[in-house]
Structures are given as structure tokens and as C-alpha cells.
Amino acid sequence: MAQGSPASALDPKSIQELVLCSHEAKKFAYCPYSHFRVGAAVLTSEGKIFSGCNVENSSYPLGNCAERTAIQKAVSEGHKVFKAIAVASDVQDEFIAPCGACRQVMREFGTKWDVYLTKPDGTYVVHTVQDLLPVSFGPEDLQKPK
């Protein structure tokens, strides 16, 4: 099922569950304008999964991506350390990748966690946040110089 090698030590069962949760989440997408359903599921360091879907708005910039929805749900319940996130859509021929804003939100919580890009058939490729957003700007860049 996998293409590429996971960057972390997630076991195959955990990966399968995370990918499945991302595909389940896309069923709840609110996308009356683009009709482009996206789901995401984020795995916390404690092993809890939070899912999210894209939520569009007639004022387009106010919509929210699935990845950010899942991360914000986790953070709102006290989780800030993540092991992985899976992203799903209905695109059959390509692996869907997060937009730049989602990559930056992921980066806020570290660079060494996994991002599983999936297809509807359950296949996936895996990258790290660092792979998707190299030479990035993060919280440590805002630390006061000593």
C-alpha cells in the first residue's frame, strides 16, 4: 500500500487507522462551491486522533482547510505534539498535498512529524513537515536574541 518510507516508527496498523480516519472525515466536507472534498486526521503524541474536513464559505478567504481543522480541534483540546497527519481527497491519480497555509500551520508544531498523502484506494506516500516546507520559519525564530 505504501510508497516511500515512513519517517517515524508508526506501525502499519496505526498508519492504516490514520489514513482511514482521513477518508472518513472527507465525508463531512462542506464544499458547495469547489465540490472538492478533503479530509484530514492528525495523530497526537498520546495516540489520540482528531479528524477534520474542509469548510468553505461564500466569502472564499474565510474557508478552512481540513488539515487546519484537524490541528485546531486537537489544539483546542490541549494537544500540541503530533506524530503524523493524513490527508485525503477524491483525486484518484495523484496524492493530494497540503496548501502553503496548512504547511505553515503544521510547521508551528515541529518539522519532524509525518505527513501521509493519500489516494481513495488507501495508498499513500509519506513525507515529513520539513520535506514539505524546507527552510521554514517557526516559533524558535521569534525567540529574543541573548
N, C-alpha and C. Protein backbone atom coordinates (compact mmCIF):
# COMPACT_ATOMS: atom_id res chain seq x y z
N MET A 1 0.80 -1.20 0.00
CA MET A 1 0.00 0.00 0.00
C MET A 1 0.84 1.27 0.00
N ALA A 2 1.94 1.25 0.70
CA ALA A 2 2.74 2.46 0.87
C ALA A 2 3.71 2.64 -0.28
N GLN A 3 3.98 3.87 -0.58
CA GLN A 3 5.06 4.24 -1.48
C GLN A 3 5.94 5.17 -0.69
N GLY A 4 7.22 4.90 -0.65
CA GLY A 4 8.12 5.67 0.19
C GLY A 4 8.21 5.03 1.56
N SER A 5 9.03 5.57 2.40
CA SER A 5 9.22 5.01 3.74
C SER A 5 8.80 6.02 4.79
N PRO A 6 8.06 5.57 5.80
CA PRO A 6 7.68 6.49 6.86
C PRO A 6 8.92 7.04 7.56
N ALA A 7 8.85 8.31 7.94
CA ALA A 7 9.97 8.95 8.61
C ALA A 7 10.03 8.56 10.08
N SER A 8 8.89 8.18 10.65
CA SER A 8 8.87 7.80 12.06
C SER A 8 8.55 6.33 12.20
N ALA A 9 8.40 5.91 13.43
CA ALA A 9 8.20 4.49 13.72
C ALA A 9 6.72 4.15 13.90
N LEU A 10 5.84 4.73 13.13
CA LEU A 10 4.43 4.35 13.22
C LEU A 10 4.26 2.93 12.70
N ASP A 11 3.51 2.15 13.42
CA ASP A 11 3.28 0.77 12.98
C ASP A 11 2.22 0.76 11.88
N PRO A 12 2.20 -0.28 11.05
CA PRO A 12 1.26 -0.34 9.92
C PRO A 12 -0.20 -0.19 10.34
N LYS A 13 -0.58 -0.74 11.49
CA LYS A 13 -1.97 -0.63 11.94
C LYS A 13 -2.33 0.82 12.25
N SER A 14 -1.42 1.56 12.89
CA SER A 14 -1.67 2.98 13.20
C SER A 14 -1.77 3.81 11.93
N ILE A 15 -0.91 3.50 10.97
CA ILE A 15 -0.96 4.21 9.69
C ILE A 15 -2.30 3.96 9.01
N GLN A 16 -2.71 2.70 8.97
CA GLN A 16 -3.98 2.35 8.32
C GLN A 16 -5.15 3.06 8.99
N GLU A 17 -5.15 3.11 10.32
CA GLU A 17 -6.22 3.77 11.05
C GLU A 17 -6.24 5.27 10.75
N LEU A 18 -5.07 5.89 10.73
CA LEU A 18 -4.98 7.32 10.45
C LEU A 18 -5.46 7.64 9.03
N VAL A 19 -5.03 6.85 8.07
CA VAL A 19 -5.46 7.04 6.68
C VAL A 19 -6.97 6.86 6.56
N LEU A 20 -7.51 5.82 7.19
CA LEU A 20 -8.95 5.57 7.16
C LEU A 20 -9.72 6.74 7.77
N CYS A 21 -9.24 7.25 8.89
CA CYS A 21 -9.91 8.39 9.54
C CYS A 21 -9.92 9.62 8.64
N SER A 22 -8.84 9.83 7.89
CA SER A 22 -8.81 10.99 6.98
C SER A 22 -9.84 10.83 5.87
N HIS A 23 -10.00 9.61 5.38
CA HIS A 23 -11.00 9.37 4.33
C HIS A 23 -12.42 9.47 4.88
N GLU A 24 -12.64 9.04 6.11
CA GLU A 24 -13.95 9.18 6.74
C GLU A 24 -14.28 10.66 6.94
N ALA A 25 -13.30 11.45 7.33
CA ALA A 25 -13.52 12.87 7.61
C ALA A 25 -13.98 13.63 6.37
N LYS A 26 -13.49 13.23 5.20
CA LYS A 26 -13.87 13.98 3.98
C LYS A 26 -15.36 13.85 3.68
N LYS A 27 -16.01 12.85 4.24
CA LYS A 27 -17.46 12.68 4.04
C LYS A 27 -18.25 13.86 4.60
N PHE A 28 -17.66 14.57 5.55
CA PHE A 28 -18.35 15.68 6.20
C PHE A 28 -17.97 17.04 5.60
N ALA A 29 -17.17 17.03 4.56
CA ALA A 29 -16.72 18.29 3.95
C ALA A 29 -17.91 19.15 3.53
N TYR A 30 -17.77 20.43 3.78
CA TYR A 30 -18.76 21.41 3.33
C TYR A 30 -18.10 22.17 2.20
N CYS A 31 -18.40 21.76 0.97
CA CYS A 31 -17.72 22.35 -0.19
C CYS A 31 -18.70 22.60 -1.33
N PRO A 32 -19.71 23.44 -1.09
CA PRO A 32 -20.71 23.68 -2.13
C PRO A 32 -20.20 24.48 -3.32
N TYR A 33 -19.03 25.09 -3.22
CA TYR A 33 -18.51 25.93 -4.30
C TYR A 33 -17.48 25.17 -5.15
N SER A 34 -16.52 24.55 -4.51
CA SER A 34 -15.48 23.84 -5.26
C SER A 34 -15.84 22.38 -5.52
N HIS A 35 -16.71 21.83 -4.68
CA HIS A 35 -17.05 20.39 -4.76
C HIS A 35 -15.80 19.52 -4.62
N PHE A 36 -14.80 20.04 -3.93
CA PHE A 36 -13.52 19.34 -3.73
C PHE A 36 -13.43 18.95 -2.26
N ARG A 37 -13.82 17.70 -1.98
CA ARG A 37 -13.84 17.22 -0.59
C ARG A 37 -12.43 16.86 -0.12
N VAL A 38 -12.10 17.32 1.09
CA VAL A 38 -10.82 16.98 1.71
C VAL A 38 -11.07 16.59 3.16
N GLY A 39 -10.36 15.56 3.59
CA GLY A 39 -10.40 15.14 4.99
C GLY A 39 -8.99 15.04 5.51
N ALA A 40 -8.84 15.19 6.80
CA ALA A 40 -7.53 15.05 7.43
C ALA A 40 -7.72 14.42 8.80
N ALA A 41 -6.68 13.73 9.24
CA ALA A 41 -6.67 13.15 10.58
C ALA A 41 -5.28 13.32 11.14
N VAL A 42 -5.18 13.88 12.34
CA VAL A 42 -3.89 14.13 12.98
C VAL A 42 -3.76 13.21 14.20
N LEU A 43 -2.58 12.64 14.36
CA LEU A 43 -2.28 11.72 15.46
C LEU A 43 -1.41 12.45 16.47
N THR A 44 -1.87 12.53 17.72
CA THR A 44 -1.11 13.21 18.76
C THR A 44 -0.05 12.28 19.34
N SER A 45 0.85 12.86 20.11
CA SER A 45 1.90 12.06 20.75
C SER A 45 1.32 11.08 21.76
N GLU A 46 0.10 11.35 22.24
CA GLU A 46 -0.56 10.46 23.18
C GLU A 46 -1.35 9.35 22.48
N GLY A 47 -1.36 9.37 21.14
CA GLY A 47 -2.06 8.34 20.38
C GLY A 47 -3.50 8.64 20.07
N LYS A 48 -3.95 9.86 20.31
CA LYS A 48 -5.32 10.26 20.02
C LYS A 48 -5.40 10.83 18.60
N ILE A 49 -6.48 10.51 17.91
CA ILE A 49 -6.68 11.01 16.54
C ILE A 49 -7.80 12.05 16.54
N PHE A 50 -7.52 13.18 15.89
CA PHE A 50 -8.52 14.22 15.66
C PHE A 50 -8.68 14.36 14.15
N SER A 51 -9.92 14.38 13.70
CA SER A 51 -10.16 14.50 12.26
C SER A 51 -10.78 15.85 11.95
N GLY A 52 -10.71 16.20 10.67
CA GLY A 52 -11.30 17.46 10.22
C GLY A 52 -11.56 17.41 8.73
N CYS A 53 -12.41 18.29 8.26
CA CYS A 53 -12.73 18.38 6.83
C CYS A 53 -12.63 19.84 6.41
N ASN A 54 -12.63 20.06 5.11
CA ASN A 54 -12.64 21.43 4.63
C ASN A 54 -14.04 22.02 4.81
N VAL A 55 -14.07 23.31 5.14
CA VAL A 55 -15.32 24.02 5.35
C VAL A 55 -15.24 25.31 4.55
N GLU A 56 -15.94 25.34 3.43
CA GLU A 56 -15.90 26.52 2.56
C GLU A 56 -16.86 27.59 3.07
N ASN A 57 -16.71 28.79 2.51
CA ASN A 57 -17.53 29.93 2.87
C ASN A 57 -17.78 30.72 1.60
N SER A 58 -18.95 31.33 1.49
CA SER A 58 -19.24 32.13 0.29
C SER A 58 -18.27 33.30 0.16
N SER A 59 -17.71 33.74 1.26
CA SER A 59 -16.60 34.69 1.23
C SER A 59 -15.34 33.83 1.24
N TYR A 60 -14.88 33.46 0.06
CA TYR A 60 -13.87 32.41 -0.11
C TYR A 60 -12.70 32.41 0.87
N PRO A 61 -12.09 33.56 1.17
CA PRO A 61 -10.93 33.52 2.07
C PRO A 61 -11.26 33.03 3.48
N LEU A 62 -12.52 33.00 3.84
CA LEU A 62 -12.91 32.59 5.19
C LEU A 62 -13.09 31.08 5.33
N GLY A 63 -12.92 30.34 4.24
CA GLY A 63 -12.99 28.89 4.34
C GLY A 63 -11.81 28.33 5.12
N ASN A 64 -11.93 27.09 5.55
CA ASN A 64 -10.86 26.46 6.32
C ASN A 64 -10.55 25.09 5.72
N CYS A 65 -9.28 24.79 5.62
CA CYS A 65 -8.83 23.51 5.09
C CYS A 65 -8.98 22.40 6.13
N ALA A 66 -9.05 21.18 5.65
CA ALA A 66 -9.20 20.01 6.52
C ALA A 66 -8.04 19.86 7.49
N GLU A 67 -6.82 20.10 7.01
CA GLU A 67 -5.64 19.94 7.86
C GLU A 67 -5.69 20.90 9.05
N ARG A 68 -6.04 22.15 8.77
CA ARG A 68 -6.10 23.14 9.84
C ARG A 68 -7.27 22.84 10.78
N THR A 69 -8.37 22.35 10.24
CA THR A 69 -9.50 21.99 11.10
C THR A 69 -9.08 20.90 12.09
N ALA A 70 -8.42 19.86 11.60
CA ALA A 70 -8.00 18.75 12.47
C ALA A 70 -7.00 19.23 13.52
N ILE A 71 -6.01 20.02 13.10
CA ILE A 71 -5.00 20.51 14.04
C ILE A 71 -5.64 21.43 15.08
N GLN A 72 -6.52 22.32 14.65
CA GLN A 72 -7.15 23.24 15.58
C GLN A 72 -8.05 22.51 16.58
N LYS A 73 -8.71 21.45 16.13
CA LYS A 73 -9.50 20.64 17.07
C LYS A 73 -8.60 20.04 18.13
N ALA A 74 -7.46 19.50 17.71
CA ALA A 74 -6.53 18.88 18.66
C ALA A 74 -5.99 19.92 19.64
N VAL A 75 -5.56 21.05 19.12
CA VAL A 75 -5.00 22.10 19.98
C VAL A 75 -6.07 22.60 20.95
N SER A 76 -7.30 22.73 20.49
CA SER A 76 -8.37 23.24 21.36
C SER A 76 -8.69 22.28 22.50
N GLU A 77 -8.21 21.05 22.39
CA GLU A 77 -8.39 20.07 23.47
C GLU A 77 -7.08 19.77 24.19
N GLY A 78 -6.09 20.65 24.00
CA GLY A 78 -4.87 20.58 24.79
C GLY A 78 -3.71 19.80 24.19
N HIS A 79 -3.80 19.40 22.94
CA HIS A 79 -2.74 18.61 22.30
C HIS A 79 -1.93 19.50 21.37
N LYS A 80 -0.60 19.48 21.56
CA LYS A 80 0.27 20.33 20.74
C LYS A 80 1.47 19.58 20.19
N VAL A 81 1.57 18.28 20.47
CA VAL A 81 2.67 17.47 19.95
C VAL A 81 2.06 16.39 19.07
N PHE A 82 2.51 16.37 17.81
CA PHE A 82 1.91 15.47 16.83
C PHE A 82 2.93 14.48 16.28
N LYS A 83 2.46 13.28 15.99
CA LYS A 83 3.29 12.25 15.35
C LYS A 83 3.09 12.26 13.84
N ALA A 84 1.83 12.47 13.41
CA ALA A 84 1.54 12.35 11.97
C ALA A 84 0.20 12.98 11.64
N ILE A 85 0.02 13.25 10.35
CA ILE A 85 -1.26 13.68 9.81
C ILE A 85 -1.45 12.98 8.48
N ALA A 86 -2.69 12.59 8.18
CA ALA A 86 -3.03 12.01 6.88
C ALA A 86 -4.03 12.94 6.21
N VAL A 87 -3.90 13.08 4.89
CA VAL A 87 -4.74 13.98 4.11
C VAL A 87 -5.37 13.18 2.98
N ALA A 88 -6.70 13.34 2.80
CA ALA A 88 -7.44 12.55 1.81
C ALA A 88 -8.32 13.44 0.95
N SER A 89 -8.49 13.03 -0.29
CA SER A 89 -9.44 13.67 -1.20
C SER A 89 -10.01 12.60 -2.12
N ASP A 90 -10.78 13.04 -3.11
CA ASP A 90 -11.35 12.10 -4.08
C ASP A 90 -10.48 11.98 -5.33
N VAL A 91 -9.35 12.67 -5.37
CA VAL A 91 -8.46 12.61 -6.52
C VAL A 91 -7.90 11.19 -6.64
N GLN A 92 -8.09 10.57 -7.80
CA GLN A 92 -7.68 9.18 -8.00
C GLN A 92 -6.24 9.02 -8.46
N ASP A 93 -5.76 9.94 -9.29
CA ASP A 93 -4.48 9.75 -9.99
C ASP A 93 -3.27 10.38 -9.32
N GLU A 94 -3.48 11.21 -8.31
CA GLU A 94 -2.37 11.90 -7.66
C GLU A 94 -2.57 11.89 -6.16
N PHE A 95 -1.47 12.06 -5.44
CA PHE A 95 -1.55 12.21 -4.00
C PHE A 95 -1.79 13.68 -3.70
N ILE A 96 -2.81 13.97 -2.92
CA ILE A 96 -3.14 15.35 -2.57
C ILE A 96 -2.11 15.86 -1.55
N ALA A 97 -1.73 17.11 -1.69
CA ALA A 97 -0.76 17.72 -0.79
C ALA A 97 -1.36 18.95 -0.13
N PRO A 98 -0.96 19.27 1.09
CA PRO A 98 -1.48 20.44 1.79
C PRO A 98 -1.07 21.75 1.10
N CYS A 99 -1.92 22.75 1.22
CA CYS A 99 -1.59 24.07 0.69
C CYS A 99 -0.50 24.71 1.55
N GLY A 100 0.00 25.82 1.12
CA GLY A 100 1.07 26.50 1.85
C GLY A 100 0.66 26.94 3.25
N ALA A 101 -0.57 27.44 3.39
CA ALA A 101 -1.03 27.87 4.72
C ALA A 101 -1.07 26.68 5.68
N CYS A 102 -1.54 25.54 5.21
CA CYS A 102 -1.59 24.35 6.07
C CYS A 102 -0.19 23.87 6.42
N ARG A 103 0.72 23.94 5.47
CA ARG A 103 2.11 23.55 5.75
C ARG A 103 2.70 24.43 6.85
N GLN A 104 2.40 25.72 6.81
CA GLN A 104 2.92 26.63 7.83
C GLN A 104 2.28 26.34 9.19
N VAL A 105 0.99 26.02 9.21
CA VAL A 105 0.34 25.66 10.48
C VAL A 105 0.95 24.38 11.03
N MET A 106 1.20 23.39 10.17
CA MET A 106 1.85 22.16 10.62
C MET A 106 3.23 22.49 11.19
N ARG A 107 3.95 23.37 10.52
CA ARG A 107 5.31 23.75 10.93
C ARG A 107 5.33 24.37 12.32
N GLU A 108 4.27 25.04 12.69
CA GLU A 108 4.17 25.64 14.02
C GLU A 108 4.41 24.61 15.12
N PHE A 109 4.10 23.35 14.82
CA PHE A 109 4.19 22.28 15.82
C PHE A 109 5.34 21.32 15.55
N GLY A 110 6.32 21.77 14.79
CA GLY A 110 7.53 20.99 14.56
C GLY A 110 7.75 20.64 13.11
N THR A 111 8.93 20.09 12.83
CA THR A 111 9.31 19.77 11.45
C THR A 111 9.50 18.28 11.23
N LYS A 112 9.57 17.51 12.29
CA LYS A 112 9.94 16.11 12.16
C LYS A 112 8.78 15.14 12.29
N TRP A 113 7.55 15.58 12.09
CA TRP A 113 6.44 14.65 12.12
C TRP A 113 5.97 14.34 10.70
N ASP A 114 5.28 13.22 10.56
CA ASP A 114 4.96 12.67 9.24
C ASP A 114 3.67 13.22 8.65
N VAL A 115 3.68 13.33 7.32
CA VAL A 115 2.52 13.77 6.56
C VAL A 115 2.24 12.69 5.52
N TYR A 116 1.12 12.01 5.68
CA TYR A 116 0.71 10.94 4.76
C TYR A 116 -0.23 11.53 3.71
N LEU A 117 0.20 11.50 2.47
CA LEU A 117 -0.60 11.98 1.36
C LEU A 117 -1.25 10.75 0.75
N THR A 118 -2.58 10.73 0.65
CA THR A 118 -3.29 9.50 0.33
C THR A 118 -4.12 9.61 -0.96
N LYS A 119 -4.53 8.44 -1.43
CA LYS A 119 -5.49 8.32 -2.53
C LYS A 119 -6.70 7.55 -2.01
N PRO A 120 -7.84 7.64 -2.70
CA PRO A 120 -9.04 6.93 -2.24
C PRO A 120 -8.87 5.41 -2.10
N ASP A 121 -7.92 4.83 -2.82
CA ASP A 121 -7.72 3.38 -2.73
C ASP A 121 -6.91 2.97 -1.50
N GLY A 122 -6.51 3.96 -0.67
CA GLY A 122 -5.76 3.66 0.55
C GLY A 122 -4.26 3.72 0.40
N THR A 123 -3.76 3.88 -0.82
CA THR A 123 -2.32 4.00 -0.99
C THR A 123 -1.87 5.37 -0.49
N TYR A 124 -0.62 5.48 -0.15
CA TYR A 124 -0.11 6.74 0.38
C TYR A 124 1.38 6.87 0.12
N VAL A 125 1.84 8.10 0.21
CA VAL A 125 3.27 8.42 0.29
C VAL A 125 3.43 9.20 1.58
N VAL A 126 4.62 9.18 2.13
CA VAL A 126 4.84 9.88 3.39
C VAL A 126 6.06 10.80 3.27
N HIS A 127 5.90 11.97 3.83
CA HIS A 127 6.95 12.98 3.91
C HIS A 127 6.96 13.50 5.33
N THR A 128 7.98 14.26 5.68
CA THR A 128 7.94 14.99 6.94
C THR A 128 7.47 16.41 6.64
N VAL A 129 7.10 17.11 7.69
CA VAL A 129 6.76 18.53 7.53
C VAL A 129 7.96 19.26 6.93
N GLN A 130 9.16 18.91 7.39
CA GLN A 130 10.39 19.52 6.86
C GLN A 130 10.51 19.31 5.35
N ASP A 131 10.16 18.12 4.87
CA ASP A 131 10.20 17.85 3.43
C ASP A 131 9.27 18.78 2.66
N LEU A 132 8.08 19.02 3.23
CA LEU A 132 7.07 19.82 2.55
C LEU A 132 7.28 21.32 2.68
N LEU A 133 8.05 21.73 3.71
CA LEU A 133 8.28 23.15 3.92
C LEU A 133 9.73 23.36 4.37
N PRO A 134 10.67 23.19 3.44
CA PRO A 134 12.09 23.35 3.80
C PRO A 134 12.43 24.82 4.06
N VAL A 135 13.49 25.03 4.79
CA VAL A 135 13.98 26.38 5.11
C VAL A 135 12.82 27.24 5.63
N SER A 136 12.15 26.70 6.63
CA SER A 136 10.93 27.32 7.12
C SER A 136 11.17 28.29 8.28
N PHE A 137 10.14 29.04 8.58
CA PHE A 137 10.11 29.98 9.69
C PHE A 137 9.21 29.39 10.76
N GLY A 138 9.70 29.32 12.00
CA GLY A 138 8.91 28.73 13.08
C GLY A 138 9.04 29.49 14.38
N PRO A 139 8.42 28.96 15.43
CA PRO A 139 8.40 29.64 16.72
C PRO A 139 9.79 30.01 17.25
N GLU A 140 10.76 29.15 17.00
CA GLU A 140 12.12 29.43 17.51
C GLU A 140 12.73 30.66 16.85
N ASP A 141 12.24 31.04 15.69
CA ASP A 141 12.74 32.23 15.01
C ASP A 141 12.26 33.53 15.67
N LEU A 142 11.30 33.42 16.56
CA LEU A 142 10.78 34.59 17.25
C LEU A 142 11.38 34.75 18.65
N GLN A 143 12.30 33.90 19.01
CA GLN A 143 12.96 34.00 20.32
C GLN A 143 13.86 35.23 20.35
N LYS A 144 13.87 35.89 21.47
CA LYS A 144 14.72 37.07 21.61
C LYS A 144 16.18 36.66 21.60
N PRO A 145 17.02 37.44 20.92
CA PRO A 145 18.46 37.13 20.94
C PRO A 145 19.01 37.31 22.35
N LYS A 146 20.00 36.49 22.67
CA LYS A 146 20.60 36.58 24.02
C LYS A 146 21.76 37.55 24.02
